[in-house]
PDB file of N, CA and C in Angstrom:
ATOM      1  N   MET A   1     -15.815 -47.183  26.172  1.00  0.00           N
ATOM      2  CA  MET A   1     -15.241 -45.867  26.340  1.00  0.00           C
ATOM      3  C   MET A   1     -13.941 -45.782  25.543  1.00  0.00           C
ATOM      4  N   VAL A   2     -13.703 -44.669  24.894  1.00  0.00           N
ATOM      5  CA  VAL A   2     -12.514 -44.487  24.071  1.00  0.00           C
ATOM      6  C   VAL A   2     -11.389 -43.942  24.936  1.00  0.00           C
ATOM      7  N   GLU A   3     -10.218 -44.561  24.820  1.00  0.00           N
ATOM      8  CA  GLU A   3      -9.068 -44.095  25.588  1.00  0.00           C
ATOM      9  C   GLU A   3      -8.183 -43.250  24.693  1.00  0.00           C
ATOM     10  N   MET A   4      -7.613 -42.209  25.271  1.00  0.00           N
ATOM     11  CA  MET A   4      -6.713 -41.329  24.529  1.00  0.00           C
ATOM     12  C   MET A   4      -5.327 -41.956  24.505  1.00  0.00           C
ATOM     13  N   GLU A   5      -4.671 -41.902  23.349  1.00  0.00           N
ATOM     14  CA  GLU A   5      -3.310 -42.413  23.233  1.00  0.00           C
ATOM     15  C   GLU A   5      -2.339 -41.345  23.704  1.00  0.00           C
ATOM     16  N   ASN A   6      -1.302 -41.766  24.406  1.00  0.00           N
ATOM     17  CA  ASN A   6      -0.305 -40.769  24.791  1.00  0.00           C
ATOM     18  C   ASN A   6       0.689 -40.587  23.648  1.00  0.00           C
ATOM     19  N   SER A   7       1.540 -39.577  23.761  1.00  0.00           N
ATOM     20  CA  SER A   7       2.427 -39.235  22.651  1.00  0.00           C
ATOM     21  C   SER A   7       3.462 -40.332  22.382  1.00  0.00           C
ATOM     22  N   ALA A   8       3.865 -41.075  23.391  1.00  0.00           N
ATOM     23  CA  ALA A   8       4.840 -42.153  23.183  1.00  0.00           C
ATOM     24  C   ALA A   8       4.248 -43.243  22.297  1.00  0.00           C
ATOM     25  N   GLU A   9       2.965 -43.553  22.510  1.00  0.00           N
ATOM     26  CA  GLU A   9       2.312 -44.563  21.675  1.00  0.00           C
ATOM     27  C   GLU A   9       2.160 -44.067  20.242  1.00  0.00           C
ATOM     28  N   LYS A  10       1.876 -42.793  20.081  1.00  0.00           N
ATOM     29  CA  LYS A  10       1.751 -42.237  18.737  1.00  0.00           C
ATOM     30  C   LYS A  10       3.090 -42.293  18.012  1.00  0.00           C
ATOM     31  N   LYS A  11       4.166 -41.960  18.707  1.00  0.00           N
ATOM     32  CA  LYS A  11       5.487 -42.001  18.091  1.00  0.00           C
ATOM     33  C   LYS A  11       5.853 -43.429  17.713  1.00  0.00           C
ATOM     34  N   ALA A  12       5.473 -44.388  18.553  1.00  0.00           N
ATOM     35  CA  ALA A  12       5.778 -45.785  18.257  1.00  0.00           C
ATOM     36  C   ALA A  12       5.032 -46.236  17.001  1.00  0.00           C
ATOM     37  N   LYS A  13       3.802 -45.755  16.833  1.00  0.00           N
ATOM     38  CA  LYS A  13       3.035 -46.125  15.642  1.00  0.00           C
ATOM     39  C   LYS A  13       3.640 -45.478  14.396  1.00  0.00           C
ATOM     40  N   ALA A  14       4.088 -44.229  14.523  1.00  0.00           N
ATOM     41  CA  ALA A  14       4.656 -43.540  13.365  1.00  0.00           C
ATOM     42  C   ALA A  14       5.920 -44.244  12.914  1.00  0.00           C
ATOM     43  N   GLY A  15       6.850 -44.412  13.785  1.00  0.00           N
ATOM     44  CA  GLY A  15       8.065 -45.171  13.535  1.00  0.00           C
ATOM     45  C   GLY A  15       8.753 -44.870  12.222  1.00  0.00           C
ATOM     46  N   PRO A  16       9.836 -45.589  11.930  1.00  0.00           N
ATOM     47  CA  PRO A  16      10.576 -45.354  10.690  1.00  0.00           C
ATOM     48  C   PRO A  16       9.798 -45.797   9.448  1.00  0.00           C
ATOM     49  N   GLY A  17       8.903 -46.767   9.586  1.00  0.00           N
ATOM     50  CA  GLY A  17       8.118 -47.223   8.442  1.00  0.00           C
ATOM     51  C   GLY A  17       7.208 -46.143   7.892  1.00  0.00           C
ATOM     52  N   PHE A  18       6.724 -45.308   8.787  1.00  0.00           N
ATOM     53  CA  PHE A  18       5.845 -44.216   8.369  1.00  0.00           C
ATOM     54  C   PHE A  18       6.579 -43.263   7.429  1.00  0.00           C
ATOM     55  N   PHE A  19       7.789 -42.885   7.815  1.00  0.00           N
ATOM     56  CA  PHE A  19       8.537 -41.924   7.009  1.00  0.00           C
ATOM     57  C   PHE A  19       9.003 -42.542   5.697  1.00  0.00           C
ATOM     58  N   LYS A  20       9.261 -43.837   5.682  1.00  0.00           N
ATOM     59  CA  LYS A  20       9.587 -44.506   4.419  1.00  0.00           C
ATOM     60  C   LYS A  20       8.378 -44.469   3.488  1.00  0.00           C
ATOM     61  N   GLY A  21       7.203 -44.657   4.069  1.00  0.00           N
ATOM     62  CA  GLY A  21       5.980 -44.598   3.277  1.00  0.00           C
ATOM     63  C   GLY A  21       5.737 -43.211   2.711  1.00  0.00           C
ATOM     64  N   VAL A  22       5.990 -42.201   3.538  1.00  0.00           N
ATOM     65  CA  VAL A  22       5.819 -40.821   3.071  1.00  0.00           C
ATOM     66  C   VAL A  22       6.785 -40.530   1.929  1.00  0.00           C
ATOM     67  N   LYS A  23       8.030 -40.981   2.080  1.00  0.00           N
ATOM     68  CA  LYS A  23       9.029 -40.760   1.031  1.00  0.00           C
ATOM     69  C   LYS A  23       8.611 -41.455  -0.264  1.00  0.00           C
ATOM     70  N   ALA A  24       8.102 -42.673  -0.135  1.00  0.00           N
ATOM     71  CA  ALA A  24       7.667 -43.415  -1.319  1.00  0.00           C
ATOM     72  C   ALA A  24       6.498 -42.710  -2.003  1.00  0.00           C
ATOM     73  N   GLU A  25       5.576 -42.163  -1.222  1.00  0.00           N
ATOM     74  CA  GLU A  25       4.434 -41.460  -1.807  1.00  0.00           C
ATOM     75  C   GLU A  25       4.870 -40.156  -2.480  1.00  0.00           C
ATOM     76  N   PHE A  26       5.847 -39.463  -1.892  1.00  0.00           N
ATOM     77  CA  PHE A  26       6.339 -38.236  -2.510  1.00  0.00           C
ATOM     78  C   PHE A  26       7.002 -38.515  -3.852  1.00  0.00           C
ATOM     79  N   LYS A  27       7.610 -39.682  -3.999  1.00  0.00           N
ATOM     80  CA  LYS A  27       8.237 -40.024  -5.276  1.00  0.00           C
ATOM     81  C   LYS A  27       7.196 -40.252  -6.365  1.00  0.00           C
ATOM     82  N   LYS A  28       5.960 -40.585  -5.985  1.00  0.00           N
ATOM     83  CA  LYS A  28       4.891 -40.838  -6.949  1.00  0.00           C
ATOM     84  C   LYS A  28       4.251 -39.548  -7.463  1.00  0.00           C
ATOM     85  N   ILE A  29       4.490 -38.442  -6.779  1.00  0.00           N
ATOM     86  CA  ILE A  29       3.853 -37.182  -7.152  1.00  0.00           C
ATOM     87  C   ILE A  29       4.410 -36.683  -8.486  1.00  0.00           C
ATOM     88  N   ILE A  30       3.505 -36.273  -9.350  1.00  0.00           N
ATOM     89  CA  ILE A  30       3.900 -35.653 -10.620  1.00  0.00           C
ATOM     90  C   ILE A  30       3.621 -34.166 -10.476  1.00  0.00           C
ATOM     91  N   TRP A  31       4.680 -33.392 -10.308  1.00  0.00           N
ATOM     92  CA  TRP A  31       4.524 -31.963 -10.102  1.00  0.00           C
ATOM     93  C   TRP A  31       4.249 -31.277 -11.439  1.00  0.00           C
ATOM     94  N   PRO A  32       3.345 -30.277 -11.444  1.00  0.00           N
ATOM     95  CA  PRO A  32       3.048 -29.574 -12.696  1.00  0.00           C
ATOM     96  C   PRO A  32       4.221 -28.701 -13.127  1.00  0.00           C
ATOM     97  N   ASP A  33       4.313 -28.489 -14.429  1.00  0.00           N
ATOM     98  CA  ASP A  33       5.383 -27.632 -14.926  1.00  0.00           C
ATOM     99  C   ASP A  33       4.999 -26.160 -14.742  1.00  0.00           C
ATOM    100  N   ARG A  34       5.933 -25.288 -15.025  1.00  0.00           N
ATOM    101  CA  ARG A  34       5.735 -23.853 -14.796  1.00  0.00           C
ATOM    102  C   ARG A  34       4.577 -23.309 -15.632  1.00  0.00           C
ATOM    103  N   GLN A  35       4.484 -23.733 -16.886  1.00  0.00           N
ATOM    104  CA  GLN A  35       3.423 -23.254 -17.790  1.00  0.00           C
ATOM    105  C   GLN A  35       2.041 -23.625 -17.243  1.00  0.00           C
ATOM    106  N   SER A  36       1.884 -24.871 -16.813  1.00  0.00           N
ATOM    107  CA  SER A  36       0.605 -25.331 -16.288  1.00  0.00           C
ATOM    108  C   SER A  36       0.242 -24.595 -14.999  1.00  0.00           C
ATOM    109  N   THR A  37       1.231 -24.404 -14.143  1.00  0.00           N
ATOM    110  CA  THR A  37       0.985 -23.684 -12.890  1.00  0.00           C
ATOM    111  C   THR A  37       0.556 -22.249 -13.168  1.00  0.00           C
ATOM    112  N   LEU A  38       1.196 -21.604 -14.132  1.00  0.00           N
ATOM    113  CA  LEU A  38       0.842 -20.227 -14.480  1.00  0.00           C
ATOM    114  C   LEU A  38      -0.583 -20.157 -15.023  1.00  0.00           C
ATOM    115  N   LYS A  39      -0.944 -21.068 -15.924  1.00  0.00           N
ATOM    116  CA  LYS A  39      -2.300 -21.076 -16.490  1.00  0.00           C
ATOM    117  C   LYS A  39      -3.351 -21.275 -15.403  1.00  0.00           C
ATOM    118  N   GLN A  40      -3.099 -22.218 -14.513  1.00  0.00           N
ATOM    119  CA  GLN A  40      -4.061 -22.490 -13.450  1.00  0.00           C
ATOM    120  C   GLN A  40      -4.164 -21.317 -12.480  1.00  0.00           C
ATOM    121  N   SER A  41      -3.056 -20.665 -12.202  1.00  0.00           N
ATOM    122  CA  SER A  41      -3.076 -19.503 -11.307  1.00  0.00           C
ATOM    123  C   SER A  41      -3.868 -18.357 -11.925  1.00  0.00           C
ATOM    124  N   VAL A  42      -3.655 -18.123 -13.215  1.00  0.00           N
ATOM    125  CA  VAL A  42      -4.406 -17.071 -13.910  1.00  0.00           C
ATOM    126  C   VAL A  42      -5.893 -17.402 -13.909  1.00  0.00           C
ATOM    127  N   ALA A  43      -6.238 -18.660 -14.121  1.00  0.00           N
ATOM    128  CA  ALA A  43      -7.641 -19.070 -14.114  1.00  0.00           C
ATOM    129  C   ALA A  43      -8.268 -18.839 -12.738  1.00  0.00           C
ATOM    130  N   VAL A  44      -7.545 -19.158 -11.677  1.00  0.00           N
ATOM    131  CA  VAL A  44      -8.070 -18.971 -10.322  1.00  0.00           C
ATOM    132  C   VAL A  44      -8.297 -17.486 -10.035  1.00  0.00           C
ATOM    133  N   VAL A  45      -7.346 -16.653 -10.411  1.00  0.00           N
ATOM    134  CA  VAL A  45      -7.491 -15.211 -10.175  1.00  0.00           C
ATOM    135  C   VAL A  45      -8.654 -14.653 -10.992  1.00  0.00           C
ATOM    136  N   ALA A  46      -8.762 -15.051 -12.252  1.00  0.00           N
ATOM    137  CA  ALA A  46      -9.845 -14.557 -13.109  1.00  0.00           C
ATOM    138  C   ALA A  46     -11.213 -14.974 -12.572  1.00  0.00           C
ATOM    139  N   ILE A  47     -11.345 -16.220 -12.190  1.00  0.00           N
ATOM    140  CA  ILE A  47     -12.629 -16.700 -11.655  1.00  0.00           C
ATOM    141  C   ILE A  47     -12.953 -15.988 -10.347  1.00  0.00           C
ATOM    142  N   SER A  48     -11.936 -15.748  -9.522  1.00  0.00           N
ATOM    143  CA  SER A  48     -12.156 -15.041  -8.259  1.00  0.00           C
ATOM    144  C   SER A  48     -12.660 -13.627  -8.504  1.00  0.00           C
ATOM    145  N   VAL A  49     -12.093 -12.949  -9.499  1.00  0.00           N
ATOM    146  CA  VAL A  49     -12.536 -11.588  -9.830  1.00  0.00           C
ATOM    147  C   VAL A  49     -13.972 -11.612 -10.344  1.00  0.00           C
ATOM    148  N   VAL A  50     -14.284 -12.553 -11.221  1.00  0.00           N
ATOM    149  CA  VAL A  50     -15.645 -12.649 -11.765  1.00  0.00           C
ATOM    150  C   VAL A  50     -16.649 -12.926 -10.652  1.00  0.00           C
ATOM    151  N   VAL A  51     -16.339 -13.854  -9.772  1.00  0.00           N
ATOM    152  CA  VAL A  51     -17.250 -14.175  -8.666  1.00  0.00           C
ATOM    153  C   VAL A  51     -17.392 -12.961  -7.741  1.00  0.00           C
ATOM    154  N   GLY A  52     -16.293 -12.247  -7.503  1.00  0.00           N
ATOM    155  CA  GLY A  52     -16.367 -11.041  -6.679  1.00  0.00           C
ATOM    156  C   GLY A  52     -17.274  -9.989  -7.284  1.00  0.00           C
ATOM    157  N   VAL A  53     -17.182  -9.802  -8.592  1.00  0.00           N
ATOM    158  CA  VAL A  53     -18.044  -8.822  -9.276  1.00  0.00           C
ATOM    159  C   VAL A  53     -19.504  -9.254  -9.197  1.00  0.00           C
ATOM    160  N   VAL A  54     -19.776 -10.539  -9.407  1.00  0.00           N
ATOM    161  CA  VAL A  54     -21.157 -11.042  -9.329  1.00  0.00           C
ATOM    162  C   VAL A  54     -21.718 -10.821  -7.924  1.00  0.00           C
ATOM    163  N   ILE A  55     -20.919 -11.114  -6.904  1.00  0.00           N
ATOM    164  CA  ILE A  55     -21.380 -10.915  -5.521  1.00  0.00           C
ATOM    165  C   ILE A  55     -21.627  -9.430  -5.256  1.00  0.00           C
ATOM    166  N   ALA A  56     -20.753  -8.562  -5.767  1.00  0.00           N
ATOM    167  CA  ALA A  56     -20.938  -7.124  -5.573  1.00  0.00           C
ATOM    168  C   ALA A  56     -22.228  -6.651  -6.238  1.00  0.00           C
ATOM    169  N   ILE A  57     -22.515  -7.151  -7.426  1.00  0.00           N
ATOM    170  CA  ILE A  57     -23.750  -6.771  -8.132  1.00  0.00           C
ATOM    171  C   ILE A  57     -24.972  -7.252  -7.358  1.00  0.00           C
ATOM    172  N   LEU A  58     -24.941  -8.489  -6.915  1.00  0.00           N
ATOM    173  CA  LEU A  58     -26.067  -9.023  -6.130  1.00  0.00           C
ATOM    174  C   LEU A  58     -26.240  -8.244  -4.827  1.00  0.00           C
ATOM    175  N   ASP A  59     -25.138  -7.862  -4.199  1.00  0.00           N
ATOM    176  CA  ASP A  59     -25.211  -7.080  -2.969  1.00  0.00           C
ATOM    177  C   ASP A  59     -25.848  -5.726  -3.235  1.00  0.00           C
ATOM    178  N   TYR A  60     -25.450  -5.087  -4.325  1.00  0.00           N
ATOM    179  CA  TYR A  60     -26.017  -3.781  -4.681  1.00  0.00           C
ATOM    180  C   TYR A  60     -27.521  -3.897  -4.945  1.00  0.00           C
ATOM    181  N   ILE A  61     -27.917  -4.939  -5.672  1.00  0.00           N
ATOM    182  CA  ILE A  61     -29.341  -5.148  -5.967  1.00  0.00           C
ATOM    183  C   ILE A  61     -30.114  -5.388  -4.672  1.00  0.00           C
ATOM    184  N   ALA A  62     -29.568  -6.212  -3.789  1.00  0.00           N
ATOM    185  CA  ALA A  62     -30.246  -6.496  -2.524  1.00  0.00           C
ATOM    186  C   ALA A  62     -30.355  -5.227  -1.674  1.00  0.00           C
ATOM    187  N   LYS A  63     -29.277  -4.446  -1.615  1.00  0.00           N
ATOM    188  CA  LYS A  63     -29.291  -3.203  -0.828  1.00  0.00           C
ATOM    189  C   LYS A  63     -30.321  -2.234  -1.383  1.00  0.00           C
ATOM    190  N   THR A  64     -30.360  -2.096  -2.714  1.00  0.00           N
ATOM    191  CA  THR A  64     -31.326  -1.196  -3.346  1.00  0.00           C
ATOM    192  C   THR A  64     -32.759  -1.677  -3.072  1.00  0.00           C
ATOM    193  N   GLY A  65     -32.961  -2.974  -3.165  1.00  0.00           N
ATOM    194  CA  GLY A  65     -34.300  -3.527  -2.902  1.00  0.00           C
ATOM    195  C   GLY A  65     -34.744  -3.303  -1.468  1.00  0.00           C
ATOM    196  N   VAL A  66     -33.849  -3.512  -0.520  1.00  0.00           N
ATOM    197  CA  VAL A  66     -34.188  -3.298   0.884  1.00  0.00           C
ATOM    198  C   VAL A  66     -34.452  -1.820   1.143  1.00  0.00           C
ATOM    199  N   ASN A  67     -33.633  -0.950   0.566  1.00  0.00           N
ATOM    200  CA  ASN A  67     -33.861   0.501   0.741  1.00  0.00           C
ATOM    201  C   ASN A  67     -35.204   0.914   0.132  1.00  0.00           C
ATOM    202  N   PHE A  68     -35.560   0.322  -1.003  1.00  0.00           N
ATOM    203  CA  PHE A  68     -36.852   0.648  -1.638  1.00  0.00           C
ATOM    204  C   PHE A  68     -38.002   0.192  -0.755  1.00  0.00           C
ATOM    205  N   ILE A  69     -37.902  -1.032  -0.238  1.00  0.00           N
ATOM    206  CA  ILE A  69     -38.980  -1.583   0.592  1.00  0.00           C
ATOM    207  C   ILE A  69     -39.127  -0.786   1.891  1.00  0.00           C
ATOM    208  N   THR A  70     -38.007  -0.419   2.507  1.00  0.00           N
ATOM    209  CA  THR A  70     -38.102   0.308   3.785  1.00  0.00           C
ATOM    210  C   THR A  70     -38.510   1.764   3.594  1.00  0.00           C
ATOM    211  N   SER A  71     -38.393   2.295   2.386  1.00  0.00           N
ATOM    212  CA  SER A  71     -38.787   3.697   2.183  1.00  0.00           C
ATOM    213  C   SER A  71     -40.265   3.841   1.852  1.00  0.00           C
ATOM    214  N   ILE A  72     -40.959   2.750   1.669  1.00  0.00           N
ATOM    215  CA  ILE A  72     -42.401   2.810   1.318  1.00  0.00           C
ATOM    216  C   ILE A  72     -43.203   3.239   2.512  1.00  0.00           C
TER     217      ILE A  72
END
């Protein structure tokens, strides 16, 4: 049977070593520059718009098909 840990045990496990590890990992992060972030943001917005248009077209086709079938 699995026992639940109480919050005191969790805090003891986290301890000061945990936060030192987090700090060390944050120092390893290579943050993107402004130009790269802008390009990636534009790409995400553009792809989202394209996917939205494709879904809208497919929805229209499906709606038209269902209306055609039910009107027979």
